[in-house]
N, C-alpha and C. Protein backbone atom coordinates (compact mmCIF):
# COMPACT_ATOMS: atom_id res chain seq x y z
N UNK A 1 7.46 11.79 25.10
CA UNK A 1 6.26 11.10 24.67
C UNK A 1 5.28 12.13 24.15
N UNK A 2 4.63 11.84 23.03
CA UNK A 2 3.68 12.81 22.45
C UNK A 2 2.38 12.89 23.16
N UNK A 3 1.67 13.92 22.90
CA UNK A 3 0.39 14.16 23.57
C UNK A 3 -0.54 13.00 23.39
N UNK A 4 -0.59 12.43 22.17
CA UNK A 4 -1.55 11.31 21.94
C UNK A 4 -0.97 9.90 22.23
N UNK A 5 0.19 9.82 22.77
CA UNK A 5 0.71 8.59 23.23
C UNK A 5 0.21 8.34 24.66
N UNK A 6 -1.03 8.55 24.83
CA UNK A 6 -1.68 8.41 26.12
C UNK A 6 -3.11 7.79 25.84
N UNK A 7 -3.38 6.66 26.37
CA UNK A 7 -4.54 5.92 25.97
C UNK A 7 -5.89 6.73 26.17
N UNK A 8 -6.03 7.39 27.24
CA UNK A 8 -7.25 8.15 27.46
C UNK A 8 -7.41 9.30 26.48
N UNK A 9 -6.28 10.04 26.21
CA UNK A 9 -6.29 11.12 25.23
C UNK A 9 -6.52 10.61 23.79
N UNK A 10 -5.94 9.48 23.51
CA UNK A 10 -6.12 8.87 22.17
C UNK A 10 -7.51 8.57 21.95
N UNK A 11 -8.19 7.91 22.97
CA UNK A 11 -9.59 7.54 22.88
C UNK A 11 -10.51 8.75 22.65
N UNK A 12 -10.17 9.84 23.42
CA UNK A 12 -10.98 11.09 23.28
C UNK A 12 -10.77 11.68 21.87
N UNK A 13 -9.51 11.63 21.34
CA UNK A 13 -9.21 12.12 20.02
C UNK A 13 -10.04 11.40 18.93
N UNK A 14 -10.01 10.10 19.06
CA UNK A 14 -10.75 9.22 18.13
C UNK A 14 -12.27 9.30 18.26
N UNK A 15 -12.75 9.74 19.37
CA UNK A 15 -14.21 10.00 19.56
C UNK A 15 -14.68 10.97 18.54
N UNK A 16 -13.86 12.02 18.27
CA UNK A 16 -14.18 13.07 17.32
C UNK A 16 -13.72 12.76 15.91
N UNK A 17 -12.54 12.21 15.84
CA UNK A 17 -11.94 11.88 14.58
C UNK A 17 -12.71 10.80 13.79
N UNK A 18 -13.33 9.90 14.56
CA UNK A 18 -14.05 8.77 13.93
C UNK A 18 -15.25 9.27 12.99
N UNK A 19 -15.75 10.51 13.23
CA UNK A 19 -16.86 11.01 12.47
C UNK A 19 -16.40 11.39 11.05
N UNK A 20 -15.11 11.66 10.89
CA UNK A 20 -14.59 12.06 9.59
C UNK A 20 -13.42 11.19 9.09
N UNK A 21 -13.09 10.16 9.90
CA UNK A 21 -11.84 9.42 9.60
C UNK A 21 -11.83 8.85 8.20
N UNK A 22 -12.90 8.31 7.72
CA UNK A 22 -12.84 7.64 6.39
C UNK A 22 -12.78 8.68 5.28
N UNK A 23 -13.10 9.95 5.52
CA UNK A 23 -12.98 10.99 4.55
C UNK A 23 -11.54 11.51 4.54
N UNK A 24 -10.90 11.54 5.72
CA UNK A 24 -9.53 12.13 5.84
C UNK A 24 -8.49 11.07 5.46
N UNK A 25 -8.72 9.85 5.87
CA UNK A 25 -7.68 8.80 5.77
C UNK A 25 -7.15 8.62 4.41
N UNK A 26 -7.86 8.65 3.27
CA UNK A 26 -7.28 8.44 1.98
C UNK A 26 -6.22 9.38 1.53
N UNK A 27 -6.08 10.61 2.22
CA UNK A 27 -5.06 11.55 1.91
C UNK A 27 -3.73 11.11 2.50
N UNK A 28 -3.80 10.15 3.47
CA UNK A 28 -2.54 9.73 4.16
C UNK A 28 -2.30 8.21 3.94
N UNK A 29 -3.34 7.43 3.92
CA UNK A 29 -3.20 5.97 3.82
C UNK A 29 -4.34 5.49 2.92
N UNK A 30 -3.99 5.29 1.64
CA UNK A 30 -5.01 4.95 0.69
C UNK A 30 -4.98 3.50 0.21
N UNK A 31 -5.87 3.16 -0.67
CA UNK A 31 -6.00 1.73 -1.11
C UNK A 31 -4.74 1.27 -1.83
N UNK A 32 -4.05 2.10 -2.57
CA UNK A 32 -2.90 1.72 -3.30
C UNK A 32 -1.78 1.41 -2.35
N UNK A 33 -1.62 2.17 -1.31
CA UNK A 33 -0.67 1.86 -0.29
C UNK A 33 -1.02 0.58 0.42
N UNK A 34 -2.26 0.46 0.76
CA UNK A 34 -2.69 -0.82 1.47
C UNK A 34 -2.38 -2.01 0.63
N UNK A 35 -2.64 -1.97 -0.67
CA UNK A 35 -2.37 -3.06 -1.58
C UNK A 35 -0.84 -3.43 -1.61
N UNK A 36 -0.03 -2.34 -1.63
CA UNK A 36 1.41 -2.48 -1.66
C UNK A 36 1.93 -3.19 -0.38
N UNK A 37 1.29 -2.73 0.77
CA UNK A 37 1.74 -3.34 2.03
C UNK A 37 1.29 -4.81 2.08
N UNK A 38 0.07 -5.14 1.69
CA UNK A 38 -0.40 -6.50 1.67
C UNK A 38 0.41 -7.41 0.88
N UNK A 39 1.00 -6.86 -0.25
CA UNK A 39 1.86 -7.72 -1.11
C UNK A 39 3.15 -8.12 -0.43
N UNK A 40 3.46 -7.52 0.67
CA UNK A 40 4.68 -7.91 1.47
C UNK A 40 4.47 -9.15 2.35
N UNK A 41 3.19 -9.52 2.54
CA UNK A 41 2.90 -10.61 3.33
C UNK A 41 2.77 -11.87 2.51
N UNK A 42 3.01 -13.06 3.18
CA UNK A 42 2.88 -14.28 2.47
C UNK A 42 1.62 -15.00 3.04
N UNK A 43 0.62 -15.04 2.29
CA UNK A 43 -0.60 -15.77 2.72
C UNK A 43 -0.57 -17.17 2.17
N UNK A 44 -0.55 -18.20 3.06
CA UNK A 44 -0.41 -19.56 2.59
C UNK A 44 -1.67 -19.96 1.66
N UNK A 45 -1.39 -20.67 0.58
CA UNK A 45 -2.36 -21.03 -0.35
C UNK A 45 -3.12 -22.30 0.04
N UNK A 46 -2.51 -23.10 0.91
CA UNK A 46 -3.10 -24.46 1.20
C UNK A 46 -3.81 -24.51 2.49
N UNK A 47 -3.91 -23.39 3.22
CA UNK A 47 -4.63 -23.42 4.48
C UNK A 47 -5.06 -21.96 4.84
N UNK A 48 -6.09 -21.89 5.67
CA UNK A 48 -6.58 -20.57 6.12
C UNK A 48 -5.80 -20.05 7.30
N UNK A 49 -4.98 -19.00 7.14
CA UNK A 49 -4.27 -18.52 8.31
C UNK A 49 -5.12 -17.82 9.34
N UNK A 50 -4.69 -17.78 10.55
CA UNK A 50 -5.31 -16.99 11.61
C UNK A 50 -4.66 -15.56 11.51
N UNK A 51 -5.50 -14.58 11.29
CA UNK A 51 -5.03 -13.21 11.06
C UNK A 51 -5.63 -12.24 12.07
N UNK A 52 -4.79 -11.36 12.60
CA UNK A 52 -5.20 -10.38 13.54
C UNK A 52 -4.89 -8.97 13.08
N UNK A 53 -5.87 -8.04 13.16
CA UNK A 53 -5.67 -6.63 12.78
C UNK A 53 -5.63 -5.88 14.06
N UNK A 54 -4.47 -5.31 14.56
CA UNK A 54 -4.43 -4.60 15.78
C UNK A 54 -4.50 -3.07 15.51
N UNK A 55 -5.46 -2.42 16.19
CA UNK A 55 -5.70 -1.02 15.91
C UNK A 55 -6.50 -0.90 14.62
N UNK A 56 -7.50 -1.71 14.47
CA UNK A 56 -8.30 -1.85 13.19
C UNK A 56 -8.98 -0.54 12.83
N UNK A 57 -9.30 0.37 13.77
CA UNK A 57 -9.99 1.62 13.51
C UNK A 57 -11.32 1.29 12.87
N UNK A 58 -11.68 1.97 11.78
CA UNK A 58 -12.94 1.79 11.05
C UNK A 58 -12.92 0.58 10.14
N UNK A 59 -11.82 -0.12 10.08
CA UNK A 59 -11.82 -1.39 9.29
C UNK A 59 -11.15 -1.29 7.94
N UNK A 60 -10.43 -0.23 7.69
CA UNK A 60 -9.86 -0.02 6.34
C UNK A 60 -8.81 -1.09 6.09
N UNK A 61 -7.89 -1.34 6.98
CA UNK A 61 -6.94 -2.40 6.79
C UNK A 61 -7.61 -3.84 6.77
N UNK A 62 -8.64 -4.00 7.69
CA UNK A 62 -9.34 -5.18 7.77
C UNK A 62 -9.99 -5.58 6.37
N UNK A 63 -10.58 -4.59 5.70
CA UNK A 63 -11.17 -4.82 4.36
C UNK A 63 -10.08 -5.37 3.41
N UNK A 64 -8.92 -4.85 3.50
CA UNK A 64 -7.85 -5.32 2.63
C UNK A 64 -7.45 -6.74 2.96
N UNK A 65 -7.36 -7.03 4.27
CA UNK A 65 -7.04 -8.42 4.65
C UNK A 65 -8.10 -9.39 4.20
N UNK A 66 -9.38 -8.98 4.16
CA UNK A 66 -10.43 -9.90 3.66
C UNK A 66 -10.38 -10.23 2.23
N UNK A 67 -9.53 -9.51 1.56
CA UNK A 67 -9.37 -9.89 0.15
C UNK A 67 -8.47 -11.10 -0.01
N UNK A 68 -7.81 -11.50 1.08
CA UNK A 68 -6.86 -12.58 1.12
C UNK A 68 -7.32 -13.76 1.95
N UNK A 69 -8.11 -13.47 2.98
CA UNK A 69 -8.52 -14.54 3.94
C UNK A 69 -10.04 -14.43 4.20
N UNK A 70 -10.62 -15.47 4.70
CA UNK A 70 -12.10 -15.47 4.93
C UNK A 70 -12.46 -14.82 6.28
N UNK A 71 -11.58 -14.82 7.24
CA UNK A 71 -11.84 -14.41 8.59
C UNK A 71 -10.70 -13.60 9.10
N UNK A 72 -11.06 -12.48 9.79
CA UNK A 72 -10.04 -11.64 10.37
C UNK A 72 -10.43 -11.31 11.84
N UNK A 73 -9.54 -11.44 12.78
CA UNK A 73 -9.71 -11.00 14.16
C UNK A 73 -9.30 -9.58 14.14
N UNK A 74 -10.03 -8.65 14.71
CA UNK A 74 -9.80 -7.21 14.69
C UNK A 74 -9.92 -6.58 16.09
N UNK A 75 -9.04 -5.81 16.49
CA UNK A 75 -9.02 -5.20 17.85
C UNK A 75 -8.76 -3.72 17.75
N UNK A 76 -9.48 -2.94 18.62
CA UNK A 76 -9.23 -1.49 18.70
C UNK A 76 -9.63 -1.08 20.09
N UNK A 77 -9.04 -0.03 20.62
CA UNK A 77 -9.43 0.48 21.97
C UNK A 77 -10.52 1.48 21.89
N UNK A 78 -10.83 2.01 20.69
CA UNK A 78 -11.80 3.13 20.54
C UNK A 78 -13.21 2.51 20.17
N UNK A 79 -14.14 2.70 21.09
CA UNK A 79 -15.47 2.17 20.79
C UNK A 79 -16.08 2.95 19.62
N UNK A 80 -15.71 4.24 19.42
CA UNK A 80 -16.26 5.02 18.32
C UNK A 80 -15.73 4.57 16.95
N UNK A 81 -14.45 4.22 16.91
CA UNK A 81 -13.90 3.66 15.67
C UNK A 81 -14.56 2.30 15.41
N UNK A 82 -14.75 1.50 16.43
CA UNK A 82 -15.32 0.15 16.22
C UNK A 82 -16.76 0.27 15.74
N UNK A 83 -17.51 1.26 16.19
CA UNK A 83 -18.87 1.42 15.70
C UNK A 83 -18.89 1.66 14.23
N UNK A 84 -17.88 2.42 13.68
CA UNK A 84 -17.84 2.69 12.27
C UNK A 84 -17.47 1.37 11.62
N UNK A 85 -16.59 0.59 12.16
CA UNK A 85 -16.20 -0.65 11.57
C UNK A 85 -17.39 -1.64 11.54
N UNK A 86 -18.17 -1.65 12.63
CA UNK A 86 -19.36 -2.55 12.65
C UNK A 86 -20.33 -2.16 11.42
N UNK A 87 -20.45 -0.83 11.30
CA UNK A 87 -21.44 -0.42 10.26
C UNK A 87 -20.99 -0.81 8.81
N UNK A 88 -19.69 -0.92 8.62
CA UNK A 88 -19.18 -1.27 7.32
C UNK A 88 -19.08 -2.81 7.13
N UNK A 89 -18.68 -3.50 8.18
CA UNK A 89 -18.34 -4.93 8.04
C UNK A 89 -19.28 -5.88 8.80
N UNK A 90 -20.18 -5.28 9.51
CA UNK A 90 -21.14 -6.08 10.28
C UNK A 90 -20.49 -6.48 11.63
N UNK A 91 -21.33 -6.47 12.67
CA UNK A 91 -20.76 -6.82 14.02
C UNK A 91 -20.52 -8.28 14.20
N UNK A 92 -21.23 -9.10 13.40
CA UNK A 92 -21.06 -10.51 13.39
C UNK A 92 -20.93 -11.00 11.99
N UNK A 93 -19.83 -11.55 11.61
CA UNK A 93 -19.66 -12.01 10.20
C UNK A 93 -18.29 -12.47 10.06
N UNK A 94 -17.62 -12.03 8.91
CA UNK A 94 -16.19 -12.51 8.70
C UNK A 94 -15.14 -11.87 9.61
N UNK A 95 -15.56 -10.85 10.38
CA UNK A 95 -14.62 -10.16 11.24
C UNK A 95 -15.02 -10.49 12.72
N UNK A 96 -14.11 -10.88 13.50
CA UNK A 96 -14.28 -11.15 14.90
C UNK A 96 -13.76 -9.95 15.67
N UNK A 97 -14.63 -9.04 16.09
CA UNK A 97 -14.19 -7.76 16.64
C UNK A 97 -13.91 -7.92 18.21
N UNK A 98 -12.93 -7.23 18.69
CA UNK A 98 -12.60 -7.16 20.11
C UNK A 98 -12.23 -5.76 20.42
N UNK A 99 -12.68 -5.29 21.61
CA UNK A 99 -12.23 -4.00 22.13
C UNK A 99 -11.12 -4.26 23.11
N UNK A 100 -9.92 -3.69 22.81
CA UNK A 100 -8.80 -4.04 23.73
C UNK A 100 -7.61 -3.25 23.44
N UNK A 101 -6.50 -3.62 24.02
CA UNK A 101 -5.23 -2.78 24.14
C UNK A 101 -4.19 -3.54 23.46
N UNK A 102 -3.34 -2.94 22.60
CA UNK A 102 -2.29 -3.55 21.86
C UNK A 102 -1.19 -4.03 22.82
N UNK A 103 -1.14 -3.42 24.05
CA UNK A 103 -0.04 -3.87 24.97
C UNK A 103 -0.56 -5.02 25.88
N UNK A 104 -1.83 -5.35 25.81
CA UNK A 104 -2.36 -6.49 26.55
C UNK A 104 -3.38 -7.22 25.65
N UNK A 105 -2.89 -7.96 24.73
CA UNK A 105 -3.76 -8.63 23.79
C UNK A 105 -4.60 -9.68 24.41
N UNK A 106 -5.92 -9.79 24.20
CA UNK A 106 -6.78 -10.77 24.88
C UNK A 106 -6.78 -12.03 24.08
N UNK A 107 -5.58 -12.60 23.76
CA UNK A 107 -5.54 -13.80 22.95
C UNK A 107 -4.40 -14.70 23.55
N UNK A 108 -4.61 -16.01 23.33
CA UNK A 108 -3.64 -17.01 23.85
C UNK A 108 -2.32 -16.89 23.09
N UNK A 109 -1.30 -17.37 23.70
CA UNK A 109 0.04 -17.47 23.11
C UNK A 109 -0.03 -18.43 21.90
N UNK A 110 0.72 -18.10 20.83
CA UNK A 110 0.82 -18.85 19.66
C UNK A 110 -0.45 -19.12 18.97
N UNK A 111 -1.26 -18.11 18.79
CA UNK A 111 -2.56 -18.11 18.17
C UNK A 111 -2.56 -17.73 16.70
N UNK A 112 -1.84 -16.66 16.34
CA UNK A 112 -1.99 -16.10 14.98
C UNK A 112 -0.81 -16.36 14.07
N UNK A 113 -1.07 -16.53 12.75
CA UNK A 113 -0.11 -16.66 11.76
C UNK A 113 0.39 -15.33 11.26
N UNK A 114 -0.46 -14.41 11.21
CA UNK A 114 -0.15 -13.06 10.75
C UNK A 114 -0.79 -11.96 11.63
N UNK A 115 -0.05 -10.97 11.97
CA UNK A 115 -0.56 -9.76 12.65
C UNK A 115 -0.24 -8.59 11.76
N UNK A 116 -1.33 -7.78 11.53
CA UNK A 116 -1.25 -6.57 10.72
C UNK A 116 -1.63 -5.42 11.63
N UNK A 117 -0.94 -4.30 11.54
CA UNK A 117 -1.31 -3.15 12.27
C UNK A 117 -0.96 -1.88 11.44
N UNK A 118 -1.95 -1.07 11.04
CA UNK A 118 -1.67 0.10 10.25
C UNK A 118 -2.24 1.34 10.94
N UNK A 119 -1.49 2.35 11.13
CA UNK A 119 -1.92 3.63 11.74
C UNK A 119 -2.25 3.51 13.17
N UNK A 120 -1.52 2.68 13.98
CA UNK A 120 -1.81 2.46 15.30
C UNK A 120 -0.59 2.67 16.21
N UNK A 121 0.58 2.22 15.79
CA UNK A 121 1.79 2.18 16.58
C UNK A 121 2.07 3.63 17.12
N UNK A 122 1.71 4.64 16.39
CA UNK A 122 2.11 6.04 16.78
C UNK A 122 1.38 6.46 18.07
N UNK A 123 0.37 5.70 18.45
CA UNK A 123 -0.41 6.09 19.68
C UNK A 123 0.02 5.15 20.88
N UNK A 124 0.88 4.17 20.66
CA UNK A 124 1.21 3.27 21.77
C UNK A 124 2.23 3.92 22.74
N UNK A 125 1.89 3.94 24.01
CA UNK A 125 2.81 4.48 24.96
C UNK A 125 4.14 3.72 25.05
N UNK A 126 4.09 2.38 24.86
CA UNK A 126 5.31 1.58 24.93
C UNK A 126 5.29 0.65 23.72
N UNK A 127 5.80 1.06 22.57
CA UNK A 127 5.75 0.27 21.38
C UNK A 127 6.40 -1.10 21.49
N UNK A 128 7.53 -1.16 22.20
CA UNK A 128 8.26 -2.46 22.36
C UNK A 128 7.45 -3.45 23.19
N UNK A 129 6.75 -2.96 24.23
CA UNK A 129 5.88 -3.82 24.95
C UNK A 129 4.78 -4.42 24.12
N UNK A 130 4.12 -3.57 23.24
CA UNK A 130 3.15 -4.02 22.34
C UNK A 130 3.71 -5.10 21.34
N UNK A 131 4.85 -4.77 20.79
CA UNK A 131 5.49 -5.67 19.81
C UNK A 131 5.80 -7.01 20.48
N UNK A 132 6.18 -6.99 21.76
CA UNK A 132 6.42 -8.25 22.44
C UNK A 132 5.11 -9.03 22.64
N UNK A 133 4.03 -8.39 22.75
CA UNK A 133 2.73 -8.99 22.81
C UNK A 133 2.43 -9.60 21.48
N UNK A 134 2.73 -8.94 20.41
CA UNK A 134 2.60 -9.46 19.06
C UNK A 134 3.35 -10.76 18.95
N UNK A 135 4.58 -10.77 19.36
CA UNK A 135 5.40 -11.97 19.30
C UNK A 135 4.79 -13.12 20.11
N UNK A 136 4.27 -12.72 21.25
CA UNK A 136 3.63 -13.81 22.15
C UNK A 136 2.52 -14.50 21.44
N UNK A 137 1.67 -13.70 20.80
CA UNK A 137 0.46 -14.35 20.25
C UNK A 137 0.64 -14.93 18.84
N UNK A 138 1.81 -14.62 18.20
CA UNK A 138 2.21 -15.18 16.96
C UNK A 138 2.72 -16.63 17.11
N UNK A 139 2.38 -17.49 16.11
CA UNK A 139 2.95 -18.85 16.11
C UNK A 139 4.47 -18.62 15.75
N UNK A 140 5.34 -19.61 16.12
CA UNK A 140 6.74 -19.54 15.62
C UNK A 140 6.85 -19.38 14.18
N UNK A 141 7.64 -18.40 13.75
CA UNK A 141 7.73 -18.13 12.35
C UNK A 141 6.64 -17.23 11.73
N UNK A 142 5.70 -16.83 12.63
CA UNK A 142 4.56 -16.00 12.12
C UNK A 142 5.05 -14.63 11.69
N UNK A 143 4.23 -14.02 10.85
CA UNK A 143 4.64 -12.64 10.23
C UNK A 143 3.92 -11.57 10.97
N UNK A 144 4.59 -10.45 11.06
CA UNK A 144 4.01 -9.20 11.58
C UNK A 144 4.30 -8.09 10.60
N UNK A 145 3.34 -7.24 10.35
CA UNK A 145 3.47 -6.06 9.48
C UNK A 145 2.85 -4.88 10.22
N UNK A 146 3.68 -3.86 10.38
CA UNK A 146 3.24 -2.66 11.00
C UNK A 146 3.50 -1.47 10.14
N UNK A 147 2.49 -0.61 9.93
CA UNK A 147 2.62 0.58 9.21
C UNK A 147 2.54 1.78 10.20
N UNK A 148 3.59 2.60 10.16
CA UNK A 148 3.60 3.74 11.03
C UNK A 148 4.04 5.06 10.36
N UNK A 149 4.14 6.16 10.98
CA UNK A 149 4.58 7.44 10.32
C UNK A 149 6.05 7.62 10.35
N UNK A 150 6.56 7.84 9.17
CA UNK A 150 8.01 8.04 8.97
C UNK A 150 8.32 9.44 9.54
N UNK A 151 9.44 9.53 10.28
CA UNK A 151 9.82 10.77 10.89
C UNK A 151 10.15 11.87 9.80
N UNK A 152 9.66 13.08 9.96
CA UNK A 152 9.90 14.12 9.00
C UNK A 152 11.38 14.49 9.02
N UNK A 153 11.89 14.96 7.80
CA UNK A 153 13.30 15.40 7.71
C UNK A 153 13.40 16.75 8.19
N UNK A 154 12.45 17.64 8.00
CA UNK A 154 12.50 19.04 8.43
C UNK A 154 12.46 19.09 10.00
N UNK A 155 13.48 19.79 10.61
CA UNK A 155 13.58 19.81 12.05
C UNK A 155 12.32 20.36 12.76
N UNK A 156 11.77 21.42 12.19
CA UNK A 156 10.59 22.03 12.78
C UNK A 156 9.40 21.08 12.66
N UNK A 157 9.26 20.41 11.54
CA UNK A 157 8.15 19.49 11.36
C UNK A 157 8.38 18.32 12.30
N UNK A 158 9.60 17.84 12.49
CA UNK A 158 9.91 16.71 13.32
C UNK A 158 9.54 17.06 14.78
N UNK A 159 9.93 18.25 15.23
CA UNK A 159 9.66 18.67 16.61
C UNK A 159 8.19 18.70 16.85
N UNK A 160 7.41 19.27 15.94
CA UNK A 160 5.95 19.35 16.07
C UNK A 160 5.34 17.93 16.02
N UNK A 161 5.84 17.11 15.14
CA UNK A 161 5.33 15.69 15.00
C UNK A 161 5.58 14.92 16.31
N UNK A 162 6.79 15.08 16.85
CA UNK A 162 7.14 14.30 18.03
C UNK A 162 6.36 14.75 19.25
N UNK A 163 5.91 16.06 19.24
CA UNK A 163 5.11 16.52 20.33
C UNK A 163 3.68 15.96 20.37
N UNK A 164 3.26 15.37 19.20
CA UNK A 164 1.92 14.82 19.08
C UNK A 164 1.90 13.37 19.31
N UNK A 165 2.84 12.64 18.67
CA UNK A 165 2.78 11.20 18.73
C UNK A 165 4.18 10.61 18.29
N UNK A 166 4.20 9.31 18.19
CA UNK A 166 5.47 8.63 17.81
C UNK A 166 5.68 8.69 16.34
N UNK A 167 6.78 9.29 15.90
CA UNK A 167 7.29 9.26 14.56
C UNK A 167 8.70 8.56 14.58
N UNK A 168 9.00 7.74 13.62
CA UNK A 168 10.31 7.02 13.73
C UNK A 168 10.90 6.73 12.35
N UNK A 169 12.11 6.45 12.27
CA UNK A 169 12.80 6.07 11.04
C UNK A 169 13.11 4.55 11.01
N UNK A 170 13.81 4.11 10.01
CA UNK A 170 14.08 2.65 9.82
C UNK A 170 14.95 2.15 10.96
N UNK A 171 15.89 3.01 11.40
CA UNK A 171 16.78 2.61 12.42
C UNK A 171 16.08 2.42 13.72
N UNK A 172 15.25 3.29 14.10
CA UNK A 172 14.45 3.11 15.33
C UNK A 172 13.45 1.95 15.19
N UNK A 173 12.82 1.76 14.03
CA UNK A 173 12.03 0.59 13.76
C UNK A 173 12.85 -0.68 14.00
N UNK A 174 14.02 -0.73 13.40
CA UNK A 174 14.94 -1.92 13.60
C UNK A 174 15.10 -2.22 15.06
N UNK A 175 15.52 -1.16 15.82
CA UNK A 175 15.69 -1.31 17.25
C UNK A 175 14.50 -1.86 17.97
N UNK A 176 13.31 -1.27 17.66
CA UNK A 176 12.09 -1.74 18.34
C UNK A 176 11.73 -3.16 18.15
N UNK A 177 11.79 -3.54 16.85
CA UNK A 177 11.42 -4.90 16.49
C UNK A 177 12.37 -5.88 16.98
N UNK A 178 13.71 -5.58 16.90
CA UNK A 178 14.69 -6.56 17.36
C UNK A 178 14.77 -6.68 18.86
N UNK A 179 14.49 -5.53 19.55
CA UNK A 179 14.40 -5.57 21.05
C UNK A 179 13.23 -6.52 21.41
N UNK A 180 12.13 -6.37 20.68
CA UNK A 180 10.94 -7.21 20.96
C UNK A 180 11.10 -8.69 20.59
N UNK A 181 12.23 -8.98 19.93
CA UNK A 181 12.57 -10.40 19.61
C UNK A 181 12.25 -10.88 18.23
N UNK A 182 11.97 -9.94 17.33
CA UNK A 182 11.63 -10.37 15.96
C UNK A 182 12.92 -10.49 15.11
N UNK A 183 12.75 -11.34 14.04
CA UNK A 183 13.87 -11.62 13.12
C UNK A 183 13.46 -11.23 11.77
N UNK A 184 14.41 -11.19 10.80
CA UNK A 184 14.20 -10.93 9.39
C UNK A 184 13.44 -9.60 9.28
N UNK A 185 13.89 -8.58 9.97
CA UNK A 185 13.20 -7.22 10.03
C UNK A 185 13.61 -6.47 8.76
N UNK A 186 12.54 -6.08 7.95
CA UNK A 186 12.70 -5.31 6.77
C UNK A 186 11.80 -4.14 6.77
N UNK A 187 12.17 -3.01 6.03
CA UNK A 187 11.39 -1.85 6.00
C UNK A 187 11.14 -1.42 4.56
N UNK A 188 10.00 -0.74 4.32
CA UNK A 188 9.69 -0.19 3.04
C UNK A 188 8.96 1.17 3.30
N UNK A 189 9.40 2.20 2.56
CA UNK A 189 8.71 3.45 2.68
C UNK A 189 7.70 3.58 1.57
N UNK A 190 6.55 4.12 1.93
CA UNK A 190 5.44 4.33 0.96
C UNK A 190 4.64 5.50 1.34
N UNK A 191 3.79 5.94 0.36
CA UNK A 191 3.02 7.09 0.56
C UNK A 191 2.26 7.57 -0.70
N UNK A 192 1.37 8.48 -0.58
CA UNK A 192 0.65 9.02 -1.68
C UNK A 192 1.59 9.86 -2.55
N UNK A 193 1.14 10.32 -3.72
CA UNK A 193 2.01 11.00 -4.68
C UNK A 193 2.67 12.22 -4.09
N UNK A 194 1.98 13.00 -3.28
CA UNK A 194 2.50 14.21 -2.74
C UNK A 194 3.59 14.04 -1.76
N UNK A 195 3.66 12.81 -1.14
CA UNK A 195 4.67 12.54 -0.10
C UNK A 195 4.97 11.03 -0.08
N UNK A 196 5.77 10.50 -1.01
CA UNK A 196 5.91 9.04 -1.15
C UNK A 196 6.65 8.36 -0.03
N UNK A 197 7.14 9.10 0.92
CA UNK A 197 7.83 8.50 2.10
C UNK A 197 7.19 8.85 3.37
N UNK A 198 5.81 9.07 3.32
CA UNK A 198 5.16 9.51 4.53
C UNK A 198 5.04 8.37 5.56
N UNK A 199 4.99 7.19 5.08
CA UNK A 199 4.79 5.97 5.99
C UNK A 199 6.02 5.06 5.89
N UNK A 200 6.26 4.41 7.01
CA UNK A 200 7.24 3.34 7.00
C UNK A 200 6.60 2.02 7.40
N UNK A 201 6.68 1.03 6.48
CA UNK A 201 6.12 -0.29 6.73
C UNK A 201 7.21 -1.31 7.15
N UNK A 202 7.07 -1.91 8.23
CA UNK A 202 8.02 -2.88 8.80
C UNK A 202 7.43 -4.25 8.72
N UNK A 203 8.13 -5.21 8.19
CA UNK A 203 7.67 -6.60 8.19
C UNK A 203 8.74 -7.46 8.80
N UNK A 204 8.37 -8.40 9.68
CA UNK A 204 9.28 -9.20 10.38
C UNK A 204 8.62 -10.58 10.73
N UNK A 205 9.46 -11.46 11.28
CA UNK A 205 8.94 -12.78 11.71
C UNK A 205 9.32 -13.07 13.14
N UNK A 206 8.39 -13.86 13.78
CA UNK A 206 8.71 -14.35 15.14
C UNK A 206 9.68 -15.51 14.97
N UNK A 207 10.53 -15.63 15.99
CA UNK A 207 11.54 -16.75 15.92
C UNK A 207 10.85 -18.15 15.76
N UNK A 208 11.45 -19.04 15.06
CA UNK A 208 10.98 -20.42 14.96
C UNK A 208 11.12 -21.13 16.32
């Protein structure tokens, strides 16, 4: 388990990263990538879906979701990241913010049609447990989309990366999502021009 796959250390890390997060983030996870990931989701045209952003951070993914829906529920464990999100999106408005844990979601079973999570899974101590929570709060047939860091090919880079947090490939993503009970599991690699495979995006559905 990596150094930052610990909730207390991750919160401390984001206490300081939150001050520069929006300046650093575009080099790793930019608007073009966000748009590409959003295109993988099916937003119903005839009704307003219930949408949850897990690990919302400063609200970058949330902003993208608001291009498709009127209201987003957003959750993060870092009060410092949430403060940045409040400043951008308002503490009360189209986003219903919650401070909480991906492994213990404070929502009822069968609540959401879509769950989005970008740049969060790498910090979860038990990703399968969190994904099972996603499945619990999704309606039958609901969609989940998770963006995480693709494992580096270089052995030295992989060793250093794994010492910090969770990095994984499509085979490990398949295992995690299917173990958590998801179906129709698919993956897409994406990234900025300098590293087009830096991220792995997984989309799946809860069983009907």
